[in-house]
C-alpha atoms as a PDB file:
ATOM      1  CA  MET A   1     -83.780  38.907 -18.573  1.00  0.00           C
ATOM      2  CA  LYS A   2     -86.592  37.169 -20.484  1.00  0.00           C
ATOM      3  CA  LYS A   3     -86.571  34.062 -20.499  1.00  0.00           C
ATOM      4  CA  GLN A   4     -85.697  32.183 -24.070  1.00  0.00           C
ATOM      5  CA  GLU A   5     -82.462  33.809 -22.718  1.00  0.00           C
ATOM      6  CA  LEU A   6     -81.490  32.749 -19.379  1.00  0.00           C
ATOM      7  CA  ARG A   7     -82.286  28.989 -20.873  1.00  0.00           C
ATOM      8  CA  LYS A   8     -79.600  29.939 -23.197  1.00  0.00           C
ATOM      9  CA  ILE A   9     -76.835  31.485 -20.484  1.00  0.00           C
ATOM     10  CA  TYR A  10     -77.938  28.995 -17.950  1.00  0.00           C
ATOM     11  CA  LYS A  11     -77.756  25.701 -20.138  1.00  0.00           C
ATOM     12  CA  GLN A  12     -73.976  27.208 -20.861  1.00  0.00           C
ATOM     13  CA  LYS A  13     -73.602  27.719 -17.280  1.00  0.00           C
ATOM     14  CA  ARG A  14     -73.998  24.372 -16.878  1.00  0.00           C
ATOM     15  CA  ARG A  15     -72.378  23.408 -19.321  1.00  0.00           C
ATOM     16  CA  ASP A  16     -68.844  25.140 -18.536  1.00  0.00           C
ATOM     17  CA  LEU A  17     -69.206  23.270 -14.514  1.00  0.00           C
ATOM     18  CA  SER A  18     -66.419  20.708 -14.144  1.00  0.00           C
ATOM     19  CA  THR A  19     -67.161  17.328 -12.890  1.00  0.00           C
ATOM     20  CA  ILE A  20     -65.896  18.732  -9.289  1.00  0.00           C
ATOM     21  CA  GLU A  21     -67.540  22.055  -9.437  1.00  0.00           C
ATOM     22  CA  VAL A  22     -70.790  19.220  -9.729  1.00  0.00           C
ATOM     23  CA  GLU A  23     -69.836  17.156  -7.378  1.00  0.00           C
ATOM     24  CA  LYS A  24     -69.773  20.108  -4.769  1.00  0.00           C
ATOM     25  CA  LEU A  25     -72.571  21.464  -6.070  1.00  0.00           C
ATOM     26  CA  GLN A  26     -74.432  19.107  -5.066  1.00  0.00           C
ATOM     27  CA  GLU A  27     -72.956  17.967  -1.989  1.00  0.00           C
ATOM     28  CA  ASN A  28     -74.117  21.379  -0.757  1.00  0.00           C
ATOM     29  CA  ILE A  29     -77.724  20.823  -2.185  1.00  0.00           C
ATOM     30  CA  TYR A  30     -78.372  16.867  -0.913  1.00  0.00           C
ATOM     31  CA  GLN A  31     -76.528  18.241   2.703  1.00  0.00           C
ATOM     32  CA  GLN A  32     -79.936  21.382   2.409  1.00  0.00           C
ATOM     33  CA  VAL A  33     -82.672  18.923   1.264  1.00  0.00           C
ATOM     34  CA  PHE A  34     -81.267  16.490   3.660  1.00  0.00           C
ATOM     35  CA  GLU A  35     -82.215  19.074   6.783  1.00  0.00           C
ATOM     36  CA  PHE A  36     -85.903  19.705   5.115  1.00  0.00           C
ATOM     37  CA  ASP A  37     -88.418  18.651   7.662  1.00  0.00           C
ATOM     38  CA  PHE A  38     -90.071  15.763   5.768  1.00  0.00           C
ATOM     39  CA  SER A  39     -92.314  15.014   9.374  1.00  0.00           C
ATOM     40  CA  SER A  40     -95.738  15.847   7.822  1.00  0.00           C
ATOM     41  CA  ILE A  41     -94.960  14.849   4.366  1.00  0.00           C
ATOM     42  CA  LYS A  42     -96.430  11.339   2.708  1.00  0.00           C
ATOM     43  CA  ILE A  43     -95.776  11.353  -0.909  1.00  0.00           C
ATOM     44  CA  VAL A  44     -93.356  13.140  -2.831  1.00  0.00           C
ATOM     45  CA  HIS A  45     -92.709  14.049  -6.373  1.00  0.00           C
ATOM     46  CA  ILE A  46     -89.146  13.976  -7.926  1.00  0.00           C
ATOM     47  CA  PHE A  47     -88.114  14.150 -11.853  1.00  0.00           C
ATOM     48  CA  LEU A  48     -85.420  11.525 -12.629  1.00  0.00           C
ATOM     49  CA  THR A  49     -81.962  13.293 -13.421  1.00  0.00           C
ATOM     50  CA  ILE A  50     -81.611  13.533 -17.405  1.00  0.00           C
ATOM     51  CA  GLU A  51     -77.591  13.288 -17.796  1.00  0.00           C
ATOM     52  CA  ARG A  52     -77.665  14.545 -21.438  1.00  0.00           C
ATOM     53  CA  LEU A  53     -79.585  17.955 -19.357  1.00  0.00           C
ATOM     54  CA  LEU A  54     -76.448  18.447 -16.760  1.00  0.00           C
ATOM     55  CA  GLU A  55     -79.036  17.808 -14.421  1.00  0.00           C
ATOM     56  CA  LEU A  56     -78.880  17.128 -10.715  1.00  0.00           C
ATOM     57  CA  ASN A  57     -78.603  13.603  -9.924  1.00  0.00           C
ATOM     58  CA  THR A  58     -81.407  12.983  -7.579  1.00  0.00           C
ATOM     59  CA  ASN A  59     -80.774   9.585  -7.161  1.00  0.00           C
ATOM     60  CA  PRO A  60     -79.241  10.651  -3.602  1.00  0.00           C
ATOM     61  CA  ILE A  61     -82.149  11.858  -2.740  1.00  0.00           C
ATOM     62  CA  ILE A  62     -84.701   9.319  -4.059  1.00  0.00           C
ATOM     63  CA  ASP A  63     -82.591   6.714  -1.790  1.00  0.00           C
ATOM     64  CA  PHE A  64     -82.895   8.965   1.472  1.00  0.00           C
ATOM     65  CA  LEU A  65     -86.655   9.935   0.935  1.00  0.00           C
ATOM     66  CA  LEU A  66     -87.354   5.872   0.571  1.00  0.00           C
ATOM     67  CA  LEU A  67     -85.044   5.338   3.384  1.00  0.00           C
ATOM     68  CA  LYS A  68     -87.663   7.675   5.356  1.00  0.00           C
ATOM     69  CA  ASN A  69     -90.344   5.899   4.007  1.00  0.00           C
ATOM     70  CA  LYS A  70     -91.644   7.873   2.042  1.00  0.00           C
ATOM     71  CA  ALA A  71     -93.735   7.406  -1.029  1.00  0.00           C
ATOM     72  CA  ILE A  72     -91.738   8.312  -4.326  1.00  0.00           C
ATOM     73  CA  VAL A  73     -93.722   9.724  -7.132  1.00  0.00           C
ATOM     74  CA  VAL A  74     -91.896  10.011 -10.810  1.00  0.00           C
ATOM     75  CA  SER A  75     -93.334  11.364 -14.477  1.00  0.00           C
ATOM     76  CA  VAL A  76     -93.942  10.060 -18.233  1.00  0.00           C
ATOM     77  CA  SER A  77     -93.817  13.089 -20.392  1.00  0.00           C
ATOM     78  CA  ASP A  78     -96.175  13.173 -23.008  1.00  0.00           C
ATOM     79  CA  PHE A  79     -94.957  15.763 -25.611  1.00  0.00           C
ATOM     80  CA  SER A  80     -97.879  15.563 -27.366  1.00  0.00           C
ATOM     81  CA  THR A  81     -99.787  17.414 -25.149  1.00  0.00           C
ATOM     82  CA  ASN A  82     -97.035  18.553 -23.165  1.00  0.00           C
ATOM     83  CA  THR A  83     -98.060  17.204 -19.635  1.00  0.00           C
ATOM     84  CA  LEU A  84     -96.862  14.944 -16.619  1.00  0.00           C
ATOM     85  CA  THR A  85     -98.603  11.340 -16.224  1.00  0.00           C
ATOM     86  CA  HIS A  86     -97.302  10.408 -12.209  1.00  0.00           C
ATOM     87  CA  PHE A  87     -96.085   7.244 -11.224  1.00  0.00           C
ATOM     88  CA  LEU A  88     -95.076   5.419  -8.087  1.00  0.00           C
ATOM     89  CA  PHE A  89     -91.858   4.571  -7.987  1.00  0.00           C
ATOM     90  CA  ASP A  90     -89.568   2.183  -5.785  1.00  0.00           C
ATOM     91  CA  ARG A  91     -86.577  -0.158  -6.041  1.00  0.00           C
ATOM     92  CA  LYS A  92     -88.295  -2.161  -8.571  1.00  0.00           C
ATOM     93  CA  THR A  93     -89.758   0.237 -10.656  1.00  0.00           C
ATOM     94  CA  LYS A  94     -88.287  -0.610 -14.025  1.00  0.00           C
ATOM     95  CA  LEU A  95     -87.145   2.290 -16.072  1.00  0.00           C
ATOM     96  CA  LYS A  96     -86.783   3.153 -19.657  1.00  0.00           C
ATOM     97  CA  VAL A  97     -85.275   6.262 -21.049  1.00  0.00           C
ATOM     98  CA  SER A  98     -87.555   7.846 -23.259  1.00  0.00           C
ATOM     99  CA  SER A  99     -86.764   8.960 -27.135  1.00  0.00           C
ATOM    100  CA  PHE A 100     -86.201  12.405 -25.437  1.00  0.00           C
ATOM    101  CA  GLY A 101     -83.756  10.825 -23.375  1.00  0.00           C
ATOM    102  CA  ILE A 102     -85.871  10.938 -20.285  1.00  0.00           C
ATOM    103  CA  PRO A 103     -85.836   8.270 -17.871  1.00  0.00           C
ATOM    104  CA  GLU A 104     -89.114   7.189 -17.429  1.00  0.00           C
ATOM    105  CA  PRO A 105     -90.836   4.357 -14.924  1.00  0.00           C
ATOM    106  CA  SER A 106     -92.071   1.187 -17.383  1.00  0.00           C
ATOM    107  CA  ASN A 107     -94.889   0.028 -14.905  1.00  0.00           C
ATOM    108  CA  GLY A 108     -95.356   1.373 -11.625  1.00  0.00           C
ATOM    109  CA  ILE A 109     -99.574   2.318 -10.361  1.00  0.00           C
ATOM    110  CA  GLU A 110    -100.621   5.650 -11.698  1.00  0.00           C
ATOM    111  CA  ILE A 111    -100.996   8.500  -8.961  1.00  0.00           C
ATOM    112  CA  ASP A 112    -103.086  11.289  -8.388  1.00  0.00           C
ATOM    113  CA  ALA A 113    -101.239  14.422  -8.693  1.00  0.00           C
ATOM    114  CA  LYS A 114    -103.452  16.035  -5.639  1.00  0.00           C
ATOM    115  CA  LYS A 115    -102.302  13.253  -3.123  1.00  0.00           C
ATOM    116  CA  ILE A 116     -98.724  14.539  -3.700  1.00  0.00           C
ATOM    117  CA  ASP A 117     -97.317  16.532  -0.663  1.00  0.00           C
ATOM    118  CA  LEU A 118     -94.334  17.933  -1.888  1.00  0.00           C
ATOM    119  CA  VAL A 119     -92.632  18.581  -5.646  1.00  0.00           C
ATOM    120  CA  PHE A 120     -89.065  19.286  -6.178  1.00  0.00           C
ATOM    121  CA  VAL A 121     -89.000  20.980  -8.938  1.00  0.00           C
ATOM    122  CA  PRO A 122     -86.415  21.187 -11.747  1.00  0.00           C
ATOM    123  CA  LEU A 123     -85.582  24.652 -13.592  1.00  0.00           C
ATOM    124  CA  LEU A 124     -82.171  25.843 -14.504  1.00  0.00           C
ATOM    125  CA  ILE A 125     -82.482  29.433 -13.339  1.00  0.00           C
ATOM    126  CA  SER A 126     -85.065  31.430 -10.614  1.00  0.00           C
ATOM    127  CA  ASP A 127     -85.262  34.744  -9.753  1.00  0.00           C
ATOM    128  CA  GLU A 128     -86.174  36.281  -6.190  1.00  0.00           C
ATOM    129  CA  LYS A 129     -89.860  36.362  -6.265  1.00  0.00           C
ATOM    130  CA  LYS A 130     -89.171  32.501  -6.816  1.00  0.00           C
ATOM    131  CA  TYR A 131     -90.457  31.942 -10.490  1.00  0.00           C
ATOM    132  CA  ARG A 132     -88.384  29.391 -12.641  1.00  0.00           C
ATOM    133  CA  VAL A 133     -87.669  29.077 -15.841  1.00  0.00           C
ATOM    134  CA  GLY A 134     -87.922  25.949 -17.462  1.00  0.00           C
ATOM    135  CA  TYR A 135     -86.683  24.120 -21.078  1.00  0.00           C
ATOM    136  CA  GLY A 136     -89.818  25.983 -22.151  1.00  0.00           C
ATOM    137  CA  LYS A 137     -92.919  23.335 -22.764  1.00  0.00           C
ATOM    138  CA  GLY A 138     -94.750  23.968 -19.675  1.00  0.00           C
ATOM    139  CA  PHE A 139     -94.949  20.032 -18.143  1.00  0.00           C
ATOM    140  CA  TYR A 140     -94.409  21.387 -15.089  1.00  0.00           C
ATOM    141  CA  ASP A 141     -95.738  24.368 -14.878  1.00  0.00           C
ATOM    142  CA  ARG A 142     -99.216  22.082 -15.888  1.00  0.00           C
ATOM    143  CA  PHE A 143     -99.154  19.542 -13.315  1.00  0.00           C
ATOM    144  CA  LEU A 144     -98.094  22.251 -10.517  1.00  0.00           C
ATOM    145  CA  ALA A 145    -101.987  23.744 -11.197  1.00  0.00           C
ATOM    146  CA  GLU A 146    -103.680  20.367 -11.022  1.00  0.00           C
ATOM    147  CA  CYS A 147    -101.607  19.595  -7.437  1.00  0.00           C
ATOM    148  CA  ARG A 148    -103.700  20.407  -4.308  1.00  0.00           C
ATOM    149  CA  LYS A 149    -103.417  23.906  -3.297  1.00  0.00           C
ATOM    150  CA  ASP A 150    -101.434  23.764  -0.288  1.00  0.00           C
ATOM    151  CA  VAL A 151     -98.528  21.120  -2.130  1.00  0.00           C
ATOM    152  CA  LYS A 152     -95.390  21.938  -1.068  1.00  0.00           C
ATOM    153  CA  THR A 153     -92.541  23.169  -4.426  1.00  0.00           C
ATOM    154  CA  ILE A 154     -89.132  23.488  -4.354  1.00  0.00           C
ATOM    155  CA  GLY A 155     -86.392  23.841  -6.744  1.00  0.00           C
ATOM    156  CA  LEU A 156     -83.604  22.515  -6.803  1.00  0.00           C
ATOM    157  CA  ASN A 157     -80.479  24.329  -8.695  1.00  0.00           C
ATOM    158  CA  PHE A 158     -76.894  24.534  -9.392  1.00  0.00           C
ATOM    159  CA  PHE A 159     -77.391  28.746  -9.138  1.00  0.00           C
ATOM    160  CA  GLN A 160     -78.063  31.285  -6.559  1.00  0.00           C
ATOM    161  CA  PRO A 161     -81.570  32.976  -8.246  1.00  0.00           C
ATOM    162  CA  ILE A 162     -81.339  36.896  -9.919  1.00  0.00           C
ATOM    163  CA  ASP A 163     -83.348  39.745  -9.232  1.00  0.00           C
ATOM    164  CA  VAL A 164     -86.090  39.342 -11.818  1.00  0.00           C
ATOM    165  CA  ILE A 165     -87.238  37.024 -14.821  1.00  0.00           C
ATOM    166  CA  GLU A 166     -89.250  39.711 -17.195  1.00  0.00           C
ATOM    167  CA  ASP A 167     -91.802  37.868 -18.825  1.00  0.00           C
ATOM    168  CA  ILE A 168     -93.810  35.654 -15.998  1.00  0.00           C
ATOM    169  CA  ASN A 169     -97.008  34.904 -17.294  1.00  0.00           C
ATOM    170  CA  GLN A 170    -100.048  34.219 -15.782  1.00  0.00           C
ATOM    171  CA  PHE A 171     -99.613  30.233 -16.099  1.00  0.00           C
ATOM    172  CA  ASP A 172     -96.316  30.716 -14.517  1.00  0.00           C
ATOM    173  CA  ILE A 173     -96.287  29.568 -10.964  1.00  0.00           C
ATOM    174  CA  PRO A 174     -93.780  29.994  -7.499  1.00  0.00           C
ATOM    175  CA  LEU A 175     -92.615  27.814  -5.876  1.00  0.00           C
ATOM    176  CA  HIS A 176     -91.971  27.978  -2.183  1.00  0.00           C
ATOM    177  CA  GLN A 177     -88.577  27.302  -1.892  1.00  0.00           C
ATOM    178  CA  VAL A 178     -85.235  26.801  -3.957  1.00  0.00           C
ATOM    179  CA  ILE A 179     -82.396  25.180  -2.999  1.00  0.00           C
ATOM    180  CA  TYR A 180     -78.937  26.273  -4.433  1.00  0.00           C
ATOM    181  CA  PRO A 181     -75.525  25.607  -3.307  1.00  0.00           C
ATOM    182  CA  LYS A 182     -75.257  28.395  -0.319  1.00  0.00           C
END
């Protein structure tokens, strides 16, 4: 299937999940993240949950990483250029919800994408080659292209990967790993 059709299908599949199903799926994902070897990782970028899109709640992962003394980075979206600007995040960071419903830091120290060791990537669905379907604006593909070549990328998803996304293009960057409920 092509990305546009997959977006429609997997947005609906998210909406169809019950609260209890979401909690169980999240717990399974959290357990896998908590078992990941973070020993060589210092700076972690993670997305803040967009509740209206029923995304995975990343707060438990953020709390876990802060307890592990990892530097956390979150982004501000610029919809005029479809780019992200990155900021250090801690318990004192003030968040505001943008007009697009995205929680974003309103204070913080800007950080260069090249300093990031690991990026947790949101997605709707991925395929067996670890290509992903996001929301279609290319924010994360642009962001990942700015990162170091050795940056680790992990997609977080409620659904098992499909066989293939038919319309991958030269700007699509495959992930290193996709965590989904087993």
